[in-house]
N, C-alpha and C. Protein backbone atom coordinates (compact mmCIF):
# COMPACT_ATOMS: atom_id res chain seq x y z
N UNK A 1 0.82 -1.17 0.00
CA UNK A 1 0.00 0.00 0.00
C UNK A 1 0.88 1.25 0.00
N UNK A 2 2.08 1.15 0.54
CA UNK A 2 2.97 2.30 0.56
C UNK A 2 3.47 2.64 -0.84
N UNK A 3 3.39 1.69 -1.77
CA UNK A 3 3.87 1.91 -3.14
C UNK A 3 2.73 2.26 -4.10
N UNK A 4 1.57 2.58 -3.59
CA UNK A 4 0.49 3.05 -4.43
C UNK A 4 -0.45 2.00 -4.96
N UNK A 5 -0.51 0.82 -4.35
CA UNK A 5 -1.47 -0.22 -4.78
C UNK A 5 -2.55 -0.35 -3.72
N UNK A 6 -3.68 -0.90 -4.13
CA UNK A 6 -4.78 -1.05 -3.17
C UNK A 6 -4.51 -2.20 -2.21
N UNK A 7 -5.35 -2.33 -1.23
CA UNK A 7 -5.16 -3.32 -0.17
C UNK A 7 -5.17 -4.76 -0.71
N UNK A 8 -6.09 -5.06 -1.61
CA UNK A 8 -6.20 -6.42 -2.12
C UNK A 8 -4.95 -6.84 -2.88
N UNK A 9 -4.43 -5.95 -3.72
CA UNK A 9 -3.22 -6.26 -4.48
C UNK A 9 -2.01 -6.40 -3.56
N UNK A 10 -1.92 -5.52 -2.58
CA UNK A 10 -0.80 -5.59 -1.63
C UNK A 10 -0.85 -6.89 -0.83
N UNK A 11 -2.04 -7.28 -0.43
CA UNK A 11 -2.18 -8.54 0.33
C UNK A 11 -1.80 -9.74 -0.54
N UNK A 12 -2.23 -9.73 -1.80
CA UNK A 12 -1.91 -10.83 -2.71
C UNK A 12 -0.40 -10.93 -2.94
N UNK A 13 0.26 -9.80 -3.12
CA UNK A 13 1.70 -9.79 -3.32
C UNK A 13 2.43 -10.27 -2.07
N UNK A 14 1.94 -9.89 -0.92
CA UNK A 14 2.54 -10.34 0.33
C UNK A 14 2.41 -11.85 0.49
N UNK A 15 1.23 -12.38 0.19
CA UNK A 15 1.04 -13.83 0.27
C UNK A 15 1.93 -14.57 -0.72
N UNK A 16 2.12 -14.02 -1.89
CA UNK A 16 2.99 -14.66 -2.90
C UNK A 16 4.44 -14.68 -2.42
N UNK A 17 4.88 -13.60 -1.80
CA UNK A 17 6.26 -13.56 -1.29
C UNK A 17 6.44 -14.57 -0.17
N UNK A 18 5.48 -14.63 0.74
CA UNK A 18 5.56 -15.59 1.86
C UNK A 18 5.52 -17.02 1.33
N UNK A 19 4.67 -17.28 0.34
CA UNK A 19 4.58 -18.62 -0.24
C UNK A 19 5.91 -19.02 -0.88
N UNK A 20 6.56 -18.09 -1.57
CA UNK A 20 7.86 -18.38 -2.18
C UNK A 20 8.92 -18.70 -1.14
N UNK A 21 8.91 -17.96 -0.04
CA UNK A 21 9.87 -18.23 1.03
C UNK A 21 9.65 -19.61 1.63
N UNK A 22 8.39 -19.97 1.85
CA UNK A 22 8.08 -21.28 2.42
C UNK A 22 8.48 -22.39 1.46
N UNK A 23 8.25 -22.20 0.16
CA UNK A 23 8.66 -23.21 -0.82
C UNK A 23 10.17 -23.41 -0.83
N UNK A 24 10.93 -22.33 -0.76
CA UNK A 24 12.40 -22.45 -0.74
C UNK A 24 12.87 -23.19 0.51
N UNK A 25 12.28 -22.87 1.66
CA UNK A 25 12.68 -23.54 2.89
C UNK A 25 12.32 -25.02 2.86
N UNK A 26 11.17 -25.35 2.29
CA UNK A 26 10.76 -26.76 2.17
C UNK A 26 11.71 -27.52 1.25
N UNK A 27 12.14 -26.89 0.17
CA UNK A 27 13.07 -27.55 -0.75
C UNK A 27 14.41 -27.81 -0.07
N UNK A 28 14.89 -26.86 0.71
CA UNK A 28 16.16 -27.04 1.42
C UNK A 28 16.03 -28.15 2.45
N UNK A 29 14.94 -28.19 3.19
CA UNK A 29 14.75 -29.24 4.19
C UNK A 29 14.65 -30.62 3.56
N UNK A 30 13.96 -30.73 2.43
CA UNK A 30 13.85 -32.03 1.77
C UNK A 30 15.20 -32.48 1.22
N UNK A 31 16.00 -31.55 0.69
CA UNK A 31 17.34 -31.90 0.23
C UNK A 31 18.19 -32.40 1.39
N UNK A 32 18.08 -31.73 2.53
CA UNK A 32 18.85 -32.13 3.70
C UNK A 32 18.46 -33.53 4.17
N UNK A 33 17.16 -33.84 4.14
CA UNK A 33 16.71 -35.16 4.56
C UNK A 33 17.22 -36.26 3.63
N UNK A 34 17.18 -36.00 2.33
CA UNK A 34 17.67 -36.99 1.36
C UNK A 34 19.18 -37.16 1.51
N UNK A 35 19.91 -36.07 1.72
CA UNK A 35 21.36 -36.14 1.90
C UNK A 35 21.70 -36.98 3.13
N UNK A 36 20.99 -36.76 4.23
CA UNK A 36 21.22 -37.56 5.44
C UNK A 36 20.89 -39.03 5.20
N UNK A 37 19.79 -39.30 4.50
CA UNK A 37 19.40 -40.68 4.21
C UNK A 37 20.49 -41.39 3.42
N UNK A 38 21.01 -40.74 2.38
CA UNK A 38 22.09 -41.35 1.59
C UNK A 38 23.34 -41.55 2.44
N UNK A 39 23.60 -40.64 3.36
CA UNK A 39 24.75 -40.80 4.26
C UNK A 39 24.60 -42.01 5.16
N UNK A 40 23.40 -42.20 5.72
CA UNK A 40 23.17 -43.37 6.56
C UNK A 40 23.26 -44.67 5.76
N UNK A 41 22.73 -44.66 4.54
CA UNK A 41 22.82 -45.85 3.69
C UNK A 41 24.28 -46.17 3.39
N UNK A 42 25.06 -45.15 3.08
CA UNK A 42 26.48 -45.36 2.81
C UNK A 42 27.18 -45.95 4.02
N UNK A 43 26.92 -45.40 5.21
CA UNK A 43 27.55 -45.92 6.42
C UNK A 43 27.11 -47.35 6.72
N UNK A 44 25.86 -47.67 6.40
CA UNK A 44 25.37 -49.03 6.65
C UNK A 44 26.00 -50.04 5.68
N UNK A 45 26.41 -49.58 4.51
CA UNK A 45 26.98 -50.50 3.52
C UNK A 45 28.49 -50.70 3.68
N UNK A 46 29.14 -49.90 4.49
CA UNK A 46 30.59 -50.06 4.69
C UNK A 46 30.93 -51.44 5.27
N UNK A 47 30.20 -51.95 6.29
CA UNK A 47 30.54 -53.30 6.78
C UNK A 47 30.37 -54.39 5.71
N UNK A 48 29.43 -54.21 4.80
CA UNK A 48 29.28 -55.19 3.72
C UNK A 48 30.50 -55.20 2.82
N UNK A 49 31.12 -54.06 2.62
CA UNK A 49 32.33 -53.99 1.82
C UNK A 49 33.45 -54.80 2.46
N UNK A 50 33.53 -54.76 3.78
CA UNK A 50 34.57 -55.51 4.48
C UNK A 50 34.30 -57.01 4.47
N UNK A 51 33.04 -57.42 4.30
CA UNK A 51 32.71 -58.85 4.29
C UNK A 51 32.90 -59.49 2.92
N UNK A 52 33.03 -58.69 1.90
CA UNK A 52 33.18 -59.25 0.55
C UNK A 52 34.57 -59.87 0.40
N UNK A 53 34.62 -60.96 -0.33
CA UNK A 53 35.89 -61.63 -0.56
C UNK A 53 36.49 -61.18 -1.88
N UNK A 54 37.81 -61.24 -1.95
CA UNK A 54 38.48 -60.92 -3.21
C UNK A 54 38.35 -62.11 -4.15
N UNK A 55 38.41 -61.83 -5.43
CA UNK A 55 38.35 -62.89 -6.42
C UNK A 55 39.60 -63.75 -6.31
N UNK A 56 39.46 -65.02 -6.66
CA UNK A 56 40.60 -65.93 -6.59
C UNK A 56 41.67 -65.49 -7.59
N UNK A 57 42.90 -65.93 -7.37
CA UNK A 57 44.02 -65.50 -8.21
C UNK A 57 44.11 -66.24 -9.52
N UNK A 58 43.13 -67.06 -9.86
CA UNK A 58 43.16 -67.83 -11.11
C UNK A 58 43.02 -66.94 -12.34
N UNK A 59 43.02 -67.59 -13.50
CA UNK A 59 42.91 -66.81 -14.73
C UNK A 59 41.55 -66.08 -14.80
N UNK A 60 41.59 -64.89 -15.27
CA UNK A 60 40.37 -64.11 -15.35
C UNK A 60 39.85 -64.13 -16.78
N UNK A 61 38.62 -63.75 -16.92
CA UNK A 61 38.00 -63.72 -18.25
C UNK A 61 38.60 -62.56 -19.05
N UNK A 62 38.77 -62.75 -20.36
CA UNK A 62 39.34 -61.67 -21.16
C UNK A 62 38.40 -60.46 -21.20
N UNK A 63 38.99 -59.31 -21.17
CA UNK A 63 38.24 -58.06 -21.18
C UNK A 63 38.31 -57.45 -22.57
N UNK A 64 37.32 -56.70 -22.93
CA UNK A 64 37.32 -56.04 -24.24
C UNK A 64 37.83 -54.66 -24.12
């Protein structure tokens, strides 16, 4: 309203700005949750790496 628009337009613009801020914060939080999930999965798979056996020293299949 200080910039010369009526109350309805000013309210709509304010709601749009607040909605954009909430969307950005939600996107950051969801990225953080996925990043943490992948981190926990990675940490859970490290013991499986230690349990895997190396291939025997015999002849290997030819590679292309």
